[in-house]
Amino acid sequence: MDYRKLNSFLALAKHLHFAKAAAEVCLTQPALSQHIQALEKSWGITLFDRDKRTVSLTAEGRLLLDEAERTVKRLENMQTVIREVTQGCRGFLRLGYVGTSVLEPLLVSAIRNFNKCFPLIRIDPQEYNVEQQFRLIREGELDLGIVRGPVPQQRLITCRKIHETPLSLVLPDEHPLRLRGDVGLQDVVEETLIIQDDPVGIGLAGAVLAMYASKGIVPTKIIKTRDVSTAIDLTAVGMGITFIPFSKSAALRDDVTVFNLPEPPFTTSLYLCWNASVGNINVKSFVDICTQSLPKE
């Protein structure tokens, strides 16, 4: 449907006067007349009876008037939506994440602020591991990913560090070391290590294994799990030990004990990752909000 021709029809039906209708839609009278004639030819009906002195709607014109008004309204709504989408005020953001990363205080705050600033943009959270997120971002199936470092360089993908936290040791609450004030990495070298099934050198598992390697330690046995929560559960039942981001230590189950390592802190970081070549304005808005939430140095 031609919005301008429909609008001309509505204006003439309202005023029943060519000069007034033309002024309302910012057309010349001949242009308005051409719009009406084009509609009548296209629809095969006469919309107006007109002579030199009067203009009136035909019966057919009256029957079509309500539908024309609804159609113009829908077209105007569509134009509004298109404008909001192109300006980044409406749409959706496909947000990938690993484990409980979206529960980091900085991200909780950023998501809340984003929802306040852009209420017509729906965040669609989707849980994937690191490799899946990188692949989906490259393929255009994911707009933005939240992954734990270390993060290797990725073709076509931009990564920005937004959060860093020390690693904490988690032991079962009946472990012999639970009553000690300090527990270091050297104290648990014989323990089974429970880590996430991340790609080699990537993610939380990569950070933990890098910490072991920096001390010249090779874990005696490794159990790999899907996520941090499962690693903690296995630790609680005595299957081994695990390491978590310090920021997660306040939300653990009661039957485990957490220790902050006395060595210079080894850390794990969170990164926002996206395909910068796409130019997604919603991604830019979310990244900007996260950046604004970073602690000032």
Protein backbone atom coordinates (compact mmCIF):
# COMPACT_ATOMS: atom_id res chain seq x y z
CA MET A 1 0.00 0.00 0.00
CA ASP A 2 1.19 3.50 -0.86
CA TYR A 3 1.10 5.45 2.39
CA ARG A 4 0.98 8.89 0.72
CA LYS A 5 -1.95 7.96 -1.54
CA LEU A 6 -3.90 6.50 1.38
CA ASN A 7 -3.18 9.62 3.41
CA SER A 8 -4.50 11.75 0.53
CA PHE A 9 -7.69 9.67 0.51
CA LEU A 10 -8.17 10.19 4.26
CA ALA A 11 -7.50 13.93 4.03
CA LEU A 12 -10.04 14.42 1.22
CA ALA A 13 -12.59 12.26 3.04
CA LYS A 14 -12.13 14.45 6.10
CA HIS A 15 -12.39 17.86 4.43
CA LEU A 16 -14.38 17.06 1.27
CA HIS A 17 -12.48 19.99 -0.17
CA PHE A 18 -9.46 19.62 -2.48
CA ALA A 19 -7.64 22.79 -1.41
CA LYS A 20 -7.93 22.06 2.33
CA ALA A 21 -7.01 18.38 1.88
CA ALA A 22 -4.00 19.26 -0.29
CA ALA A 23 -2.77 21.75 2.33
CA GLU A 24 -3.04 19.11 5.08
CA VAL A 25 -0.88 16.57 3.23
CA CYS A 26 1.47 19.23 1.78
CA LEU A 27 0.60 18.59 -1.86
CA THR A 28 -0.64 20.68 -4.74
CA GLN A 29 -4.27 20.13 -5.72
CA PRO A 30 -3.30 18.43 -9.01
CA ALA A 31 -0.98 16.03 -7.13
CA LEU A 32 -3.75 15.22 -4.64
CA SER A 33 -6.16 14.59 -7.51
CA GLN A 34 -3.60 12.25 -9.11
CA HIS A 35 -3.34 10.25 -5.87
CA ILE A 36 -7.11 9.78 -5.71
CA GLN A 37 -7.31 8.81 -9.37
CA ALA A 38 -4.48 6.30 -8.92
CA LEU A 39 -6.28 4.64 -6.02
CA GLU A 40 -9.56 4.48 -7.92
CA LYS A 41 -7.83 2.95 -10.92
CA SER A 42 -5.94 0.44 -8.78
CA TRP A 43 -9.03 -0.62 -6.81
CA GLY A 44 -11.48 -0.42 -9.70
CA ILE A 45 -14.00 1.72 -7.82
CA THR A 46 -14.99 5.39 -7.52
CA LEU A 47 -14.16 6.85 -4.11
CA PHE A 48 -15.65 10.33 -4.50
CA ASP A 49 -18.43 11.98 -6.39
CA ARG A 50 -17.18 15.41 -7.41
CA ASP A 51 -18.29 18.27 -9.57
CA LYS A 52 -17.15 21.86 -9.82
CA ARG A 53 -18.77 22.81 -6.51
CA THR A 54 -18.94 19.78 -4.22
CA VAL A 55 -17.05 16.63 -3.21
CA SER A 56 -18.69 13.68 -1.46
CA LEU A 57 -17.76 10.11 -0.59
CA THR A 58 -19.40 7.36 -2.60
CA ALA A 59 -20.92 4.37 -0.83
CA GLU A 60 -17.82 2.38 -1.74
CA GLY A 61 -15.59 5.16 -0.40
CA ARG A 62 -17.42 5.15 2.93
CA LEU A 63 -17.05 1.36 3.20
CA LEU A 64 -13.30 1.58 2.63
CA LEU A 65 -12.68 4.57 4.90
CA ASP A 66 -12.30 2.67 8.20
CA GLU A 67 -9.97 0.10 6.67
CA ALA A 68 -7.88 2.85 5.08
CA GLU A 69 -7.55 4.56 8.48
CA ARG A 70 -6.42 1.30 10.12
CA THR A 71 -3.93 0.65 7.31
CA VAL A 72 -2.43 4.14 7.57
CA LYS A 73 -2.10 3.69 11.34
CA ARG A 74 -0.33 0.36 10.87
CA LEU A 75 2.02 1.89 8.32
CA GLU A 76 2.79 4.77 10.69
CA ASN A 77 3.47 2.29 13.48
CA MET A 78 5.80 0.37 11.18
CA GLN A 79 7.67 3.56 10.31
CA THR A 80 8.07 4.27 14.02
CA VAL A 81 9.40 0.77 14.67
CA ILE A 82 11.82 1.00 11.74
CA ARG A 83 13.11 4.33 13.04
CA GLU A 84 13.53 2.95 16.57
CA VAL A 85 15.33 -0.16 15.29
CA THR A 86 17.78 1.85 13.19
CA GLN A 87 18.42 4.19 16.13
CA GLY A 88 18.96 1.26 18.51
CA CYS A 89 15.84 1.98 20.58
CA ARG A 90 14.00 -1.25 19.79
CA GLY A 91 14.92 -4.84 19.00
CA PHE A 92 16.72 -7.63 20.81
CA LEU A 93 20.22 -8.49 21.99
CA ARG A 94 21.33 -12.13 21.88
CA LEU A 95 23.64 -12.34 24.88
CA GLY A 96 25.77 -15.45 25.38
CA TYR A 97 27.28 -16.28 28.76
CA VAL A 98 29.23 -18.99 30.57
CA GLY A 99 27.97 -20.47 33.84
CA THR A 100 27.10 -17.89 36.45
CA SER A 101 29.04 -15.06 34.80
CA VAL A 102 25.90 -12.94 34.39
CA LEU A 103 25.60 -12.87 38.20
CA GLU A 104 28.76 -10.80 38.60
CA PRO A 105 27.69 -7.54 40.31
CA LEU A 106 29.04 -5.40 37.46
CA LEU A 107 27.04 -7.32 34.87
CA VAL A 108 23.89 -7.36 37.01
CA SER A 109 24.16 -3.58 37.27
CA ALA A 110 24.89 -3.20 33.53
CA ILE A 111 21.92 -5.35 32.50
CA ARG A 112 19.59 -3.42 34.81
CA ASN A 113 20.84 -0.07 33.47
CA PHE A 114 20.51 -1.28 29.89
CA ASN A 115 16.90 -2.34 30.52
CA LYS A 116 16.13 1.08 32.01
CA CYS A 117 17.76 2.99 29.16
CA PHE A 118 16.42 0.77 26.37
CA PRO A 119 13.12 -0.74 27.57
CA LEU A 120 12.11 -1.75 24.02
CA ILE A 121 15.23 -3.86 23.48
CA ARG A 122 14.82 -7.41 24.76
CA ILE A 123 17.91 -9.19 26.09
CA ASP A 124 17.83 -12.84 25.06
CA PRO A 125 20.31 -14.69 27.36
CA GLN A 126 21.74 -17.95 26.01
CA GLU A 127 24.21 -20.20 27.88
CA TYR A 128 27.10 -21.56 25.78
CA ASN A 129 30.67 -22.59 26.44
CA VAL A 130 33.55 -20.41 25.23
CA GLU A 131 34.11 -22.22 21.91
CA GLN A 132 30.40 -22.19 21.07
CA GLN A 133 30.17 -18.45 21.75
CA PHE A 134 33.10 -17.61 19.49
CA ARG A 135 31.65 -19.73 16.68
CA LEU A 136 28.14 -18.26 17.01
CA ILE A 137 29.48 -14.69 17.12
CA ARG A 138 31.46 -15.30 13.91
CA GLU A 139 28.38 -16.86 12.26
CA GLY A 140 26.13 -13.96 13.28
CA GLU A 141 23.95 -16.15 15.53
CA LEU A 142 25.03 -14.36 18.72
CA ASP A 143 25.41 -10.61 19.17
CA LEU A 144 27.53 -10.49 22.31
CA GLY A 145 29.32 -13.04 24.48
CA ILE A 146 30.46 -13.07 28.11
CA VAL A 147 33.44 -15.40 28.55
CA ARG A 148 36.06 -16.05 31.21
CA GLY A 149 39.70 -15.51 30.42
CA PRO A 150 42.33 -16.31 29.47
CA VAL A 151 40.95 -15.52 26.01
CA PRO A 152 43.14 -16.10 22.93
CA GLN A 153 42.99 -13.75 19.97
CA GLN A 154 40.06 -14.59 17.73
CA ARG A 155 39.63 -13.77 14.07
CA LEU A 156 36.93 -11.12 13.52
CA ILE A 157 36.12 -10.93 17.25
CA THR A 158 36.82 -8.01 19.59
CA CYS A 159 37.22 -8.80 23.31
CA ARG A 160 37.20 -6.27 26.14
CA LYS A 161 38.05 -7.11 29.75
CA ILE A 162 35.38 -5.82 32.10
CA HIS A 163 36.10 -7.59 35.40
CA GLU A 164 39.00 -9.27 37.23
CA THR A 165 38.82 -11.20 40.48
CA PRO A 166 41.24 -13.43 42.47
CA LEU A 167 40.88 -17.20 42.46
CA SER A 168 39.71 -18.82 45.70
CA LEU A 169 40.27 -22.42 46.82
CA VAL A 170 37.22 -24.53 47.69
CA LEU A 171 37.50 -27.57 49.99
CA PRO A 172 34.83 -29.88 51.43
CA ASP A 173 33.87 -28.80 54.95
CA GLU A 174 35.29 -32.02 56.46
CA HIS A 175 38.69 -31.64 54.82
CA PRO A 176 41.66 -31.92 57.26
CA LEU A 177 42.89 -28.45 56.20
CA ARG A 178 39.60 -26.73 57.01
CA LEU A 179 40.78 -25.51 60.45
CA ARG A 180 43.99 -23.94 59.21
CA GLY A 181 44.14 -20.20 58.87
CA ASP A 182 46.03 -20.23 55.59
CA VAL A 183 46.04 -22.84 52.86
CA GLY A 184 48.30 -22.46 49.85
CA LEU A 185 48.55 -24.23 46.56
CA GLN A 186 51.49 -26.33 47.81
CA ASP A 187 49.20 -27.78 50.50
CA VAL A 188 46.82 -29.35 48.00
CA VAL A 189 49.18 -30.60 45.28
CA GLU A 190 48.13 -34.24 45.89
CA GLU A 191 44.42 -33.48 45.71
CA THR A 192 42.25 -34.32 42.70
CA LEU A 193 41.59 -31.09 40.81
CA ILE A 194 38.05 -30.45 39.59
CA ILE A 195 37.87 -27.93 36.74
CA GLN A 196 35.54 -26.94 33.93
CA ASP A 197 35.79 -28.66 30.58
CA ASP A 198 37.15 -25.56 28.82
CA PRO A 199 39.39 -25.61 25.73
CA VAL A 200 43.11 -25.81 26.54
CA GLY A 201 44.39 -22.50 27.90
CA ILE A 202 40.98 -20.80 27.88
CA GLY A 203 38.43 -19.85 30.51
CA LEU A 204 38.41 -20.56 34.23
CA ALA A 205 40.09 -23.94 33.73
CA GLY A 206 42.84 -22.22 31.74
CA ALA A 207 43.40 -19.73 34.57
CA VAL A 208 43.61 -22.51 37.18
CA LEU A 209 46.02 -24.66 35.16
CA ALA A 210 48.16 -21.59 34.43
CA MET A 211 48.36 -21.00 38.19
CA TYR A 212 49.54 -24.61 38.74
CA ALA A 213 52.08 -24.29 35.92
CA SER A 214 53.50 -21.05 37.37
CA LYS A 215 54.38 -23.01 40.53
CA GLY A 216 55.80 -25.94 38.59
CA ILE A 217 52.97 -28.19 39.76
CA VAL A 218 51.23 -30.85 37.69
CA PRO A 219 47.84 -32.00 39.10
CA THR A 220 47.92 -35.67 40.07
CA LYS A 221 44.40 -36.19 38.72
CA ILE A 222 41.87 -33.96 36.97
CA ILE A 223 38.08 -34.28 36.83
CA LYS A 224 36.38 -32.10 34.23
CA THR A 225 32.85 -30.79 34.71
CA ARG A 226 30.35 -28.77 32.72
CA ASP A 227 30.31 -25.69 34.98
CA VAL A 228 31.38 -24.11 38.26
CA SER A 229 28.29 -25.27 40.15
CA THR A 230 28.95 -28.92 39.32
CA ALA A 231 32.60 -28.55 40.33
CA ILE A 232 31.50 -27.19 43.72
CA ASP A 233 28.96 -30.00 44.15
CA LEU A 234 31.63 -32.65 43.49
CA THR A 235 33.95 -30.88 45.92
CA ALA A 236 31.24 -30.96 48.59
CA VAL A 237 30.91 -34.76 48.35
CA GLY A 238 34.68 -35.23 48.69
CA MET A 239 35.65 -35.94 45.08
CA GLY A 240 38.44 -33.36 45.09
CA ILE A 241 39.08 -29.61 45.28
CA THR A 242 38.22 -26.75 42.96
CA PHE A 243 38.90 -23.06 42.41
CA ILE A 244 36.32 -20.36 41.83
CA PRO A 245 36.30 -16.61 41.24
CA PHE A 246 36.45 -14.85 44.61
CA SER A 247 33.29 -12.93 43.68
CA LYS A 248 31.36 -16.23 43.80
CA SER A 249 32.50 -17.19 47.32
CA ALA A 250 29.60 -15.44 49.09
CA ALA A 251 26.98 -17.61 47.37
CA LEU A 252 28.26 -21.13 48.09
CA ARG A 253 26.59 -24.12 49.67
CA ASP A 254 27.11 -24.66 53.42
CA ASP A 255 29.14 -27.87 53.18
CA VAL A 256 32.24 -26.37 51.57
CA THR A 257 34.97 -24.08 52.89
CA VAL A 258 36.60 -21.25 50.92
CA PHE A 259 40.18 -20.04 51.30
CA ASN A 260 41.81 -16.99 49.81
CA LEU A 261 45.25 -18.04 48.61
CA PRO A 262 48.13 -16.38 50.51
CA GLU A 263 50.34 -16.18 47.41
CA PRO A 264 50.25 -13.09 45.19
CA PRO A 265 46.72 -13.38 43.82
CA PHE A 266 46.10 -15.37 40.70
CA THR A 267 43.10 -14.00 38.89
CA THR A 268 40.41 -14.80 36.39
CA SER A 269 38.80 -12.18 34.18
CA LEU A 270 35.50 -11.67 32.38
CA TYR A 271 35.44 -10.42 28.81
CA LEU A 272 32.76 -9.04 26.54
CA CYS A 273 33.24 -10.39 23.01
CA TRP A 274 31.55 -9.28 19.80
CA ASN A 275 32.00 -9.01 16.04
CA ALA A 276 32.94 -5.35 15.60
CA SER A 277 32.59 -5.57 11.80
CA VAL A 278 28.81 -6.03 12.13
CA GLY A 279 28.22 -2.56 13.61
CA ASN A 280 25.32 -3.63 15.86
CA ILE A 281 24.18 -0.47 17.67
CA ASN A 282 22.59 -2.50 20.49
CA VAL A 283 25.94 -4.19 21.17
CA LYS A 284 27.66 -0.80 21.26
CA SER A 285 25.09 0.51 23.75
CA PHE A 286 25.56 -2.51 26.05
CA VAL A 287 29.37 -2.32 25.87
CA ASP A 288 29.23 1.42 26.64
CA ILE A 289 27.06 0.80 29.71
CA CYS A 290 29.42 -1.93 30.96
CA THR A 291 32.41 0.35 30.39
CA GLN A 292 30.74 3.16 32.34
CA SER A 293 30.25 0.72 35.25
CA LEU A 294 33.97 -0.14 35.47
CA PRO A 295 35.78 1.12 38.58
CA LYS A 296 37.64 4.35 37.95
CA GLU A 297 41.40 3.89 38.08
